[in-house]
């Protein structure tokens, strides 16, 4: 339901596929792999260690393409850069912490809430209109999350003893 809700809100076109669409699809697949890997790492490593190495690896990988187009940011941009860096790191920390406490099948659907919450922020801060598709998609996302939270955890199979 969450995925259907996101599709209803975003309403991707059926026209031509832009290269940007493929990049976003690849990024979504890589994010899914990242969630699974972080969940696996939370069984053996602390969240701080996971985030530390994630930031090191992302910095090295990001440095390579950045060197081709690097320009020193203006001094007035540095506070914004630090806010983005801090909130991005905090987001990774919160996701890894959540994955250490709950299954990825519970955490990932909750992550779908970003889409309707972004629409709500757009409405509150920028007076953007929320149409029926956004409201309906948000309702589906919320319904999917509620259903997911209410399902019972699988019980271990009873071992028959003779």
Protein backbone atom coordinates (compact mmCIF):
# COMPACT_ATOMS: atom_id res chain seq x y z
CA UNK A 1 0.00 0.00 0.00
CA UNK A 2 2.87 2.35 0.78
CA UNK A 3 4.49 1.85 -2.61
CA UNK A 4 1.15 2.32 -4.38
CA UNK A 5 0.59 5.49 -2.34
CA UNK A 6 3.97 6.87 -3.40
CA UNK A 7 3.21 6.09 -7.06
CA UNK A 8 -0.16 7.87 -6.76
CA UNK A 9 1.48 10.94 -5.22
CA UNK A 10 4.40 11.10 -7.65
CA UNK A 11 2.34 10.05 -10.72
CA UNK A 12 5.25 9.12 -12.98
CA UNK A 13 4.55 9.69 -16.65
CA UNK A 14 4.15 6.93 -19.18
CA UNK A 15 6.04 8.89 -21.82
CA UNK A 16 9.71 8.63 -22.62
CA UNK A 17 12.21 7.53 -20.01
CA UNK A 18 14.81 10.16 -19.18
CA UNK A 19 18.28 9.17 -18.02
CA UNK A 20 17.41 10.83 -14.71
CA UNK A 21 14.63 8.30 -14.17
CA UNK A 22 17.14 5.48 -14.49
CA UNK A 23 19.49 7.19 -12.05
CA UNK A 24 16.69 7.51 -9.49
CA UNK A 25 15.69 3.87 -10.01
CA UNK A 26 19.31 2.80 -9.51
CA UNK A 27 19.57 4.99 -6.39
CA UNK A 28 16.41 3.40 -4.97
CA UNK A 29 17.82 -0.07 -5.55
CA UNK A 30 21.13 0.91 -3.94
CA UNK A 31 19.24 2.37 -0.97
CA UNK A 32 17.40 -0.94 -0.56
CA UNK A 33 20.70 -2.80 -0.56
CA UNK A 34 22.06 -0.29 1.95
CA UNK A 35 19.11 -0.87 4.31
CA UNK A 36 19.63 -4.63 4.19
CA UNK A 37 23.38 -4.26 4.78
CA UNK A 38 22.90 -1.87 7.71
CA UNK A 39 20.31 -4.20 9.26
CA UNK A 40 22.79 -7.05 8.95
CA UNK A 41 25.61 -4.96 10.46
CA UNK A 42 23.48 -3.96 13.47
CA UNK A 43 23.69 -7.57 14.65
CA UNK A 44 27.46 -7.35 15.15
CA UNK A 45 28.47 -3.67 15.24
CA UNK A 46 27.42 -0.53 17.08
CA UNK A 47 25.38 2.09 15.27
CA UNK A 48 28.15 4.67 15.76
CA UNK A 49 30.70 2.36 14.11
CA UNK A 50 28.34 1.68 11.20
CA UNK A 51 27.70 5.40 10.63
CA UNK A 52 31.39 6.28 10.97
CA UNK A 53 32.43 3.84 8.24
CA UNK A 54 29.41 4.75 6.09
CA UNK A 55 30.45 8.41 6.19
CA UNK A 56 34.09 7.55 5.40
CA UNK A 57 33.11 5.38 2.42
CA UNK A 58 30.56 7.89 1.11
CA UNK A 59 33.09 10.72 1.44
CA UNK A 60 35.73 8.84 -0.55
CA UNK A 61 33.24 7.77 -3.23
CA UNK A 62 31.81 11.30 -3.45
CA UNK A 63 35.23 12.91 -3.57
CA UNK A 64 36.15 11.31 -6.89
CA UNK A 65 33.42 12.96 -9.02
CA UNK A 66 33.52 16.15 -6.92
CA UNK A 67 37.15 16.76 -7.88
CA UNK A 68 36.12 17.24 -11.52
CA UNK A 69 33.74 20.13 -10.78
CA UNK A 70 34.94 21.44 -7.41
CA UNK A 71 34.65 25.14 -6.67
CA UNK A 72 35.13 26.57 -3.20
CA UNK A 73 31.69 27.47 -1.80
CA UNK A 74 31.06 31.06 -0.80
CA UNK A 75 31.56 31.82 2.89
CA UNK A 76 27.85 32.53 3.41
CA UNK A 77 27.00 28.99 2.24
CA UNK A 78 29.08 27.20 4.89
CA UNK A 79 26.43 27.37 7.65
CA UNK A 80 23.91 25.76 5.29
CA UNK A 81 26.46 23.14 4.28
CA UNK A 82 27.04 22.25 7.94
CA UNK A 83 23.28 22.01 8.57
CA UNK A 84 22.84 19.69 5.59
CA UNK A 85 25.83 17.59 6.69
CA UNK A 86 24.58 17.34 10.28
CA UNK A 87 21.00 16.49 9.34
CA UNK A 88 22.16 13.95 6.75
CA UNK A 89 24.39 12.23 9.29
CA UNK A 90 21.61 12.35 11.86
CA UNK A 91 19.22 10.79 9.36
CA UNK A 92 21.62 7.90 8.75
CA UNK A 93 22.11 7.50 12.49
CA UNK A 94 18.37 7.41 13.16
CA UNK A 95 17.79 4.87 10.38
CA UNK A 96 20.58 2.60 11.64
CA UNK A 97 19.33 2.94 15.21
CA UNK A 98 15.79 2.05 14.12
CA UNK A 99 17.10 -0.96 12.20
CA UNK A 100 18.90 -2.14 15.33
CA UNK A 101 15.54 -2.23 17.14
CA UNK A 102 13.09 -3.38 14.46
CA UNK A 103 12.93 -5.41 11.30
CA UNK A 104 13.57 -3.70 7.96
CA UNK A 105 10.05 -4.70 6.86
CA UNK A 106 8.73 -2.35 9.56
CA UNK A 107 11.25 0.47 9.13
CA UNK A 108 11.24 0.77 5.33
CA UNK A 109 7.49 1.31 4.95
CA UNK A 110 7.73 4.03 7.60
CA UNK A 111 10.32 5.68 5.36
CA UNK A 112 7.59 6.09 2.71
CA UNK A 113 6.11 8.75 5.00
CA UNK A 114 8.76 11.13 3.60
CA UNK A 115 6.64 11.69 0.50
CA UNK A 116 3.40 12.92 2.12
CA UNK A 117 5.35 14.75 4.84
CA UNK A 118 7.30 16.59 2.10
CA UNK A 119 3.97 17.58 0.55
CA UNK A 120 2.75 18.79 3.94
CA UNK A 121 5.89 20.89 4.43
CA UNK A 122 5.42 22.30 0.92
CA UNK A 123 1.86 23.26 1.86
CA UNK A 124 2.86 24.81 5.19
CA UNK A 125 5.97 26.69 4.08
CA UNK A 126 5.38 27.40 0.40
CA UNK A 127 1.57 27.40 0.09
CA UNK A 128 1.68 24.55 -2.42
CA UNK A 129 -1.64 22.91 -3.11
CA UNK A 130 -2.37 19.39 -1.89
CA UNK A 131 -4.53 17.70 -4.51
CA UNK A 132 -6.71 14.63 -4.24
CA UNK A 133 -3.87 12.39 -5.48
CA UNK A 134 -1.53 13.58 -2.73
CA UNK A 135 -4.20 13.14 -0.05
CA UNK A 136 -5.23 9.70 -1.38
CA UNK A 137 -1.62 8.54 -1.68
CA UNK A 138 -0.87 9.74 1.84
CA UNK A 139 -3.93 7.83 3.12
CA UNK A 140 -2.69 4.65 1.43
CA UNK A 141 0.79 5.08 2.89
CA UNK A 142 -0.63 5.57 6.38
CA UNK A 143 -3.01 2.62 5.97
CA UNK A 144 -0.17 0.40 4.79
CA UNK A 145 1.96 1.41 7.78
CA UNK A 146 -0.86 0.73 10.21
CA UNK A 147 -1.54 -2.68 8.67
CA UNK A 148 2.14 -3.50 8.75
CA UNK A 149 2.43 -2.56 12.42
CA UNK A 150 -0.61 -4.65 13.40
CA UNK A 151 0.46 -7.87 11.74
CA UNK A 152 1.68 -10.51 14.10
CA UNK A 153 5.32 -11.54 14.15
CA UNK A 154 5.90 -15.03 12.76
CA UNK A 155 6.07 -17.61 15.50
CA UNK A 156 8.85 -20.20 15.47
CA UNK A 157 7.65 -23.54 14.27
CA UNK A 158 6.66 -25.91 17.05
CA UNK A 159 9.12 -28.74 17.30
CA UNK A 160 7.28 -32.03 17.52
CA UNK A 161 8.72 -34.30 20.12
CA UNK A 162 7.96 -37.95 20.20
